[in-house]
Each structure stands twice: as C-alpha cells, then as structure tokens.
Protein backbone atom coordinates (compact mmCIF):
# COMPACT_ATOMS: atom_id res chain seq x y z
CA UNK A 1 -2.32 30.53 2.85
CA UNK A 2 -5.12 28.03 3.56
CA UNK A 3 -5.10 26.92 -0.04
CA UNK A 4 -1.30 26.45 0.29
CA UNK A 5 -1.69 24.29 3.45
CA UNK A 6 -4.39 22.28 1.94
CA UNK A 7 -2.20 21.66 -1.02
CA UNK A 8 0.76 20.61 1.07
CA UNK A 9 -1.45 18.28 3.05
CA UNK A 10 -3.29 16.91 0.12
CA UNK A 11 0.12 16.07 -1.63
CA UNK A 12 1.88 15.01 1.59
CA UNK A 13 4.72 17.51 0.72
CA UNK A 14 5.51 17.67 4.45
CA UNK A 15 6.76 14.13 4.22
CA UNK A 16 9.13 14.94 1.54
CA UNK A 17 10.22 18.23 2.84
CA UNK A 18 11.10 16.77 6.10
CA UNK A 19 13.00 14.05 4.48
CA UNK A 20 15.02 16.16 2.09
CA UNK A 21 15.85 18.49 5.00
CA UNK A 22 17.15 15.51 7.20
CA UNK A 23 19.20 14.14 4.15
CA UNK A 24 20.85 17.60 3.88
CA UNK A 25 21.63 17.87 7.59
CA UNK A 26 22.91 14.42 7.65
CA UNK A 27 24.97 14.56 4.50
CA UNK A 28 28.67 13.59 5.09
CA UNK A 29 29.55 16.14 2.36
CA UNK A 30 28.62 19.90 2.70
CA UNK A 31 25.84 20.62 0.31
CA UNK A 32 26.72 23.91 -1.47
CA UNK A 33 24.03 23.81 -3.95
CA UNK A 34 20.75 23.33 -2.32
CA UNK A 35 18.81 23.95 -5.56
CA UNK A 36 20.63 21.05 -7.23
CA UNK A 37 20.12 18.84 -4.38
CA UNK A 38 16.38 19.49 -4.21
CA UNK A 39 15.95 19.09 -8.04
CA UNK A 40 17.77 15.79 -7.76
CA UNK A 41 15.65 14.59 -4.77
CA UNK A 42 12.38 15.54 -6.20
CA UNK A 43 13.26 13.95 -9.63
CA UNK A 44 13.77 10.74 -7.69
CA UNK A 45 10.43 11.12 -6.05
CA UNK A 46 8.82 11.69 -9.41
CA UNK A 47 10.40 8.52 -10.80
CA UNK A 48 9.80 6.49 -7.69
CA UNK A 49 13.43 5.82 -7.04
CA UNK A 50 13.09 7.66 -3.68
CA UNK A 51 11.61 4.64 -1.96
CA UNK A 52 14.84 2.58 -2.83
CA UNK A 53 16.61 1.55 0.45
CA UNK A 54 13.83 3.46 2.47
CA UNK A 55 12.70 2.70 6.00
CA UNK A 56 9.29 1.60 7.07
CA UNK A 57 8.23 4.95 8.41
CA UNK A 58 8.95 6.81 5.08
CA UNK A 59 7.42 3.91 2.92
CA UNK A 60 4.12 4.00 4.77
CA UNK A 61 4.15 7.89 5.12
CA UNK A 62 1.90 8.42 2.05
CA UNK A 63 -0.17 6.57 -0.53
CA UNK A 64 2.30 7.48 -3.31
CA UNK A 65 5.23 5.90 -1.42
CA UNK A 66 3.20 2.80 -0.99
CA UNK A 67 2.49 2.67 -4.66
CA UNK A 68 6.01 3.13 -5.49
CA UNK A 69 6.84 0.17 -3.35
CA UNK A 70 4.22 -2.02 -5.09
CA UNK A 71 5.84 -1.07 -8.55
CA UNK A 72 9.26 -1.74 -7.46
CA UNK A 73 8.45 -5.04 -5.71
CA UNK A 74 6.74 -6.23 -9.04
CA UNK A 75 9.72 -5.30 -11.07
CA UNK A 76 11.96 -7.17 -8.56
CA UNK A 77 9.79 -10.18 -8.74
CA UNK A 78 8.96 -10.20 -12.31
CA UNK A 79 12.16 -12.20 -13.50
CA UNK A 80 10.91 -15.07 -11.20
CA UNK A 81 7.73 -15.15 -13.27
CA UNK A 82 9.88 -16.10 -16.46
CA UNK A 83 10.28 -19.41 -14.86
CA UNK A 84 7.49 -21.70 -15.60
CA UNK A 85 4.90 -22.11 -12.82
CA UNK A 86 7.12 -20.31 -10.25
CA UNK A 87 5.84 -20.27 -6.56
CA UNK A 88 7.50 -18.94 -3.64
CA UNK A 89 7.13 -19.52 0.12
CA UNK A 90 6.39 -16.99 2.66
CA UNK A 91 9.86 -16.82 3.75
CA UNK A 92 11.00 -16.46 0.36
CA UNK A 93 8.96 -13.22 -0.18
CA UNK A 94 10.17 -12.01 3.27
CA UNK A 95 13.83 -12.37 2.26
CA UNK A 96 13.27 -10.59 -1.21
CA UNK A 97 11.45 -7.69 0.26
CA UNK A 98 14.25 -7.46 3.13
CA UNK A 99 16.94 -7.44 0.59
CA UNK A 100 15.13 -4.61 -1.22
CA UNK A 101 14.31 -2.67 1.89
CA UNK A 102 16.51 -3.73 4.76
CA UNK A 103 15.40 -0.97 6.97
CA UNK A 104 11.74 -2.01 6.67
CA UNK A 105 10.26 -4.88 8.86
CA UNK A 106 7.64 -5.96 6.25
CA UNK A 107 6.98 -9.37 7.78
CA UNK A 108 3.64 -8.25 9.07
CA UNK A 109 2.38 -7.13 5.77
CA UNK A 110 3.54 -10.44 4.30
CA UNK A 111 1.83 -12.35 6.82
CA UNK A 112 -1.44 -10.33 6.53
CA UNK A 113 -1.42 -10.56 2.89
CA UNK A 114 -1.30 -14.37 2.90
CA UNK A 115 -3.73 -14.93 5.70
CA UNK A 116 -6.27 -12.43 4.36
CA UNK A 117 -6.25 -13.18 0.76
CA UNK A 118 -4.53 -16.43 -0.24
CA UNK A 119 -5.02 -20.18 0.56
CA UNK A 120 -3.65 -20.53 4.00
CA UNK A 121 -3.31 -24.28 3.53
CA UNK A 122 -0.64 -23.85 1.00
CA UNK A 123 3.06 -23.29 1.54
CA UNK A 124 4.01 -21.72 -1.65
CA UNK A 125 1.96 -19.14 -3.67
CA UNK A 126 2.06 -17.83 -7.11
CA UNK A 127 4.12 -14.57 -7.46
CA UNK A 128 1.19 -12.69 -9.39
CA UNK A 129 -1.33 -13.69 -6.57
CA UNK A 130 1.22 -12.59 -3.77
CA UNK A 131 1.85 -9.40 -5.43
CA UNK A 132 -1.91 -8.60 -5.90
CA UNK A 133 -2.53 -9.65 -2.15
CA UNK A 134 0.44 -7.52 -0.91
CA UNK A 135 -0.67 -4.55 -2.92
CA UNK A 136 -4.24 -4.75 -1.50
CA UNK A 137 -2.79 -5.00 2.06
CA UNK A 138 -0.44 -1.95 1.77
CA UNK A 139 -2.46 0.19 -0.39
CA UNK A 140 -5.79 -0.27 1.41
CA UNK A 141 -4.27 -0.60 4.91
CA UNK A 142 -6.47 2.01 6.56
CA UNK A 143 -9.57 0.87 4.76
CA UNK A 144 -8.99 -2.85 5.64
CA UNK A 145 -8.40 -1.84 9.32
CA UNK A 146 -11.67 -0.11 9.49
CA UNK A 147 -13.55 -2.79 7.63
CA UNK A 148 -12.19 -5.36 9.98
CA UNK A 149 -13.81 -3.55 12.99
CA UNK A 150 -17.17 -3.98 11.44
CA UNK A 151 -16.70 -7.53 9.92
CA UNK A 152 -15.13 -8.92 13.00
CA UNK A 153 -17.54 -7.45 15.72
CA UNK A 154 -19.66 -10.36 15.89
CA UNK A 155 -22.71 -8.31 14.81
CA UNK A 156 -24.80 -8.54 11.54
CA UNK A 157 -25.34 -5.61 9.44
CA UNK A 158 -27.38 -4.94 6.51
CA UNK A 159 -25.48 -3.85 3.21
CA UNK A 160 -26.58 -0.09 3.54
CA UNK A 161 -25.45 -0.05 7.18
CA UNK A 162 -22.12 -1.40 6.28
CA UNK A 163 -21.69 1.10 3.47
CA UNK A 164 -22.81 3.92 5.96
CA UNK A 165 -20.36 2.95 8.73
CA UNK A 166 -17.52 2.64 6.42
CA UNK A 167 -18.35 6.14 4.93
CA UNK A 168 -18.60 7.37 8.47
CA UNK A 169 -15.03 5.99 9.32
CA UNK A 170 -13.54 7.48 6.34
CA UNK A 171 -14.88 10.90 7.04
CA UNK A 172 -13.13 10.64 10.60
CA UNK A 173 -9.73 9.90 9.23
CA UNK A 174 -8.01 13.16 8.85
CA UNK A 175 -4.68 11.88 8.18
CA UNK A 176 -5.15 8.98 5.65
CA UNK A 177 -1.87 7.58 4.87
CA UNK A 178 -3.25 4.85 2.34
CA UNK A 179 -5.71 4.64 -0.24
CA UNK A 180 -9.68 4.26 0.15
CA UNK A 181 -11.55 2.36 -2.46
CA UNK A 182 -13.94 4.20 -4.58
CA UNK A 183 -17.56 3.82 -3.52
CA UNK A 184 -18.28 1.85 -6.57
CA UNK A 185 -15.74 -0.91 -5.61
CA UNK A 186 -17.13 -0.95 -1.97
CA UNK A 187 -20.72 -1.29 -3.21
CA UNK A 188 -19.70 -4.15 -5.46
CA UNK A 189 -18.04 -6.35 -2.89
CA UNK A 190 -20.32 -5.53 0.18
CA UNK A 191 -23.70 -7.51 0.73
CA UNK A 192 -26.00 -8.08 3.61
CA UNK A 193 -24.46 -9.97 6.38
CA UNK A 194 -21.30 -10.37 4.60
CA UNK A 195 -18.69 -12.55 6.27
CA UNK A 196 -14.96 -11.61 6.73
CA UNK A 197 -13.79 -14.38 4.51
CA UNK A 198 -16.43 -13.47 1.67
CA UNK A 199 -15.42 -9.76 1.85
CA UNK A 200 -11.78 -10.64 1.41
CA UNK A 201 -12.54 -13.01 -1.43
CA UNK A 202 -14.65 -10.57 -3.27
CA UNK A 203 -12.07 -7.70 -2.96
CA UNK A 204 -9.39 -9.98 -4.24
CA UNK A 205 -11.54 -11.08 -7.14
CA UNK A 206 -12.30 -7.28 -7.97
CA UNK A 207 -8.50 -6.54 -7.86
CA UNK A 208 -8.06 -9.45 -10.28
CA UNK A 209 -9.51 -7.39 -13.06
CA UNK A 210 -6.86 -6.15 -15.64
CA UNK A 211 -4.99 -3.02 -14.63
CA UNK A 212 -6.88 -2.74 -11.10
CA UNK A 213 -3.52 -2.43 -9.19
CA UNK A 214 -1.90 -0.23 -11.75
CA UNK A 215 -4.90 2.03 -11.92
CA UNK A 216 -4.80 2.25 -7.97
CA UNK A 217 -1.19 3.08 -8.12
CA UNK A 218 -1.64 5.74 -10.79
CA UNK A 219 -4.42 7.41 -8.55
CA UNK A 220 -1.77 8.50 -6.07
C-alpha cells in the first residue's frame, strides 16, 4: 500500500484522477461507459492534449502539465518564426497565451520571464528567446523562488554555502509542483558571491544549449 501511495504521489496521479472525476460529474451527457471515458482522458494526458484550454490551477499542478504547456506554446509560436527576424512585444505574448489558455492568467509568468532573463530595455523580444525564458520560469518555478530568497537576501555566500542551502531547501519541499535542476546544472551556474543578475544570465546561457528545454520537458 505504501508503494502504491508513493507511486501515485511521484506521478501526480491524484491531479489527473481528481480532474477526470470532476469531468465525469460535470458532463452534460450521462457517461455510460466509464472505461472508455477514462481511456480517452488518459490518452489525451499521454499525448499532452489534456492541457488545451486548461485553467491555471491544473496547468501548474504538476511538472508534466507545465512541460506540455511549453511544448504547446512552442508549436503555437513556431509559425511566427517563419517570418524573418520576427519579434513580439510583451502584450503580444500575453494575448497569444490568453487565446490558447483563456482560463489561465499567465501575465505574471510573462512579466517574470522578461524581467528575469531578457533585456528589459527592449520592447520586443525574439520568439526563441521568449520561449526559453518562459520555459525556465514555468518549469523551474519552485527552484527560482528558493534561489531568489538566497540571492536577494543582501547577504554574501560562498559557492558551497549556496549549494548547501539550495539542497536543504529542496529537501524541505514535499509537494514539488515544478522541476528542480540537476546538481550538475546548479554547480555550473553558481559561484562565490554570485549576483542575482549573473545567476539569471548563466542559467539562461546554460538553457541555450541544444535540446536543453526539450530534455527538461522529457524528464517529466
């Protein structure tokens, strides 16, 4: 029984079981074949279609849902990349995301992505840069929140102390709803007395490696 509970927790199955039960209960038409309904629902979960038109609570409930949103956003924005040197404004990105997920107020994620990782002096941003910044913000949300507490504390820490404090923070989070970087990634970007700006720059630089975001999404 303990192994089953752990499996359910590790794979966030409670998120999907609760959602599918709500869909059955709220269905306008009587669901006569529960097995077919469940099969269809989890088929969509497997393909990533389940986040289409989802609300913010559901989107942010598991790392896998967040990764599916990143993939869908990328496929939504890719046609714009066919235009040479296309750049969009913060308002453009907010509007596109709102059209894709009308029940999710994503403006804070868009704002944080731009302020943290992109050039604040600009009014438009390359699509690939925005996707990378947005992906880091949503996939690493818990990690970035804890890193901010250290980096913005007005205290100076050695590299080893920062690594220790981040490891300690990770151990204290029982219900992690986003991804946490591998130790190798954290060790790569952290240095003695690193500033908030330098930390963000190095993380964005690390994520610029080929397939970094794809690998993150696949890890869910």
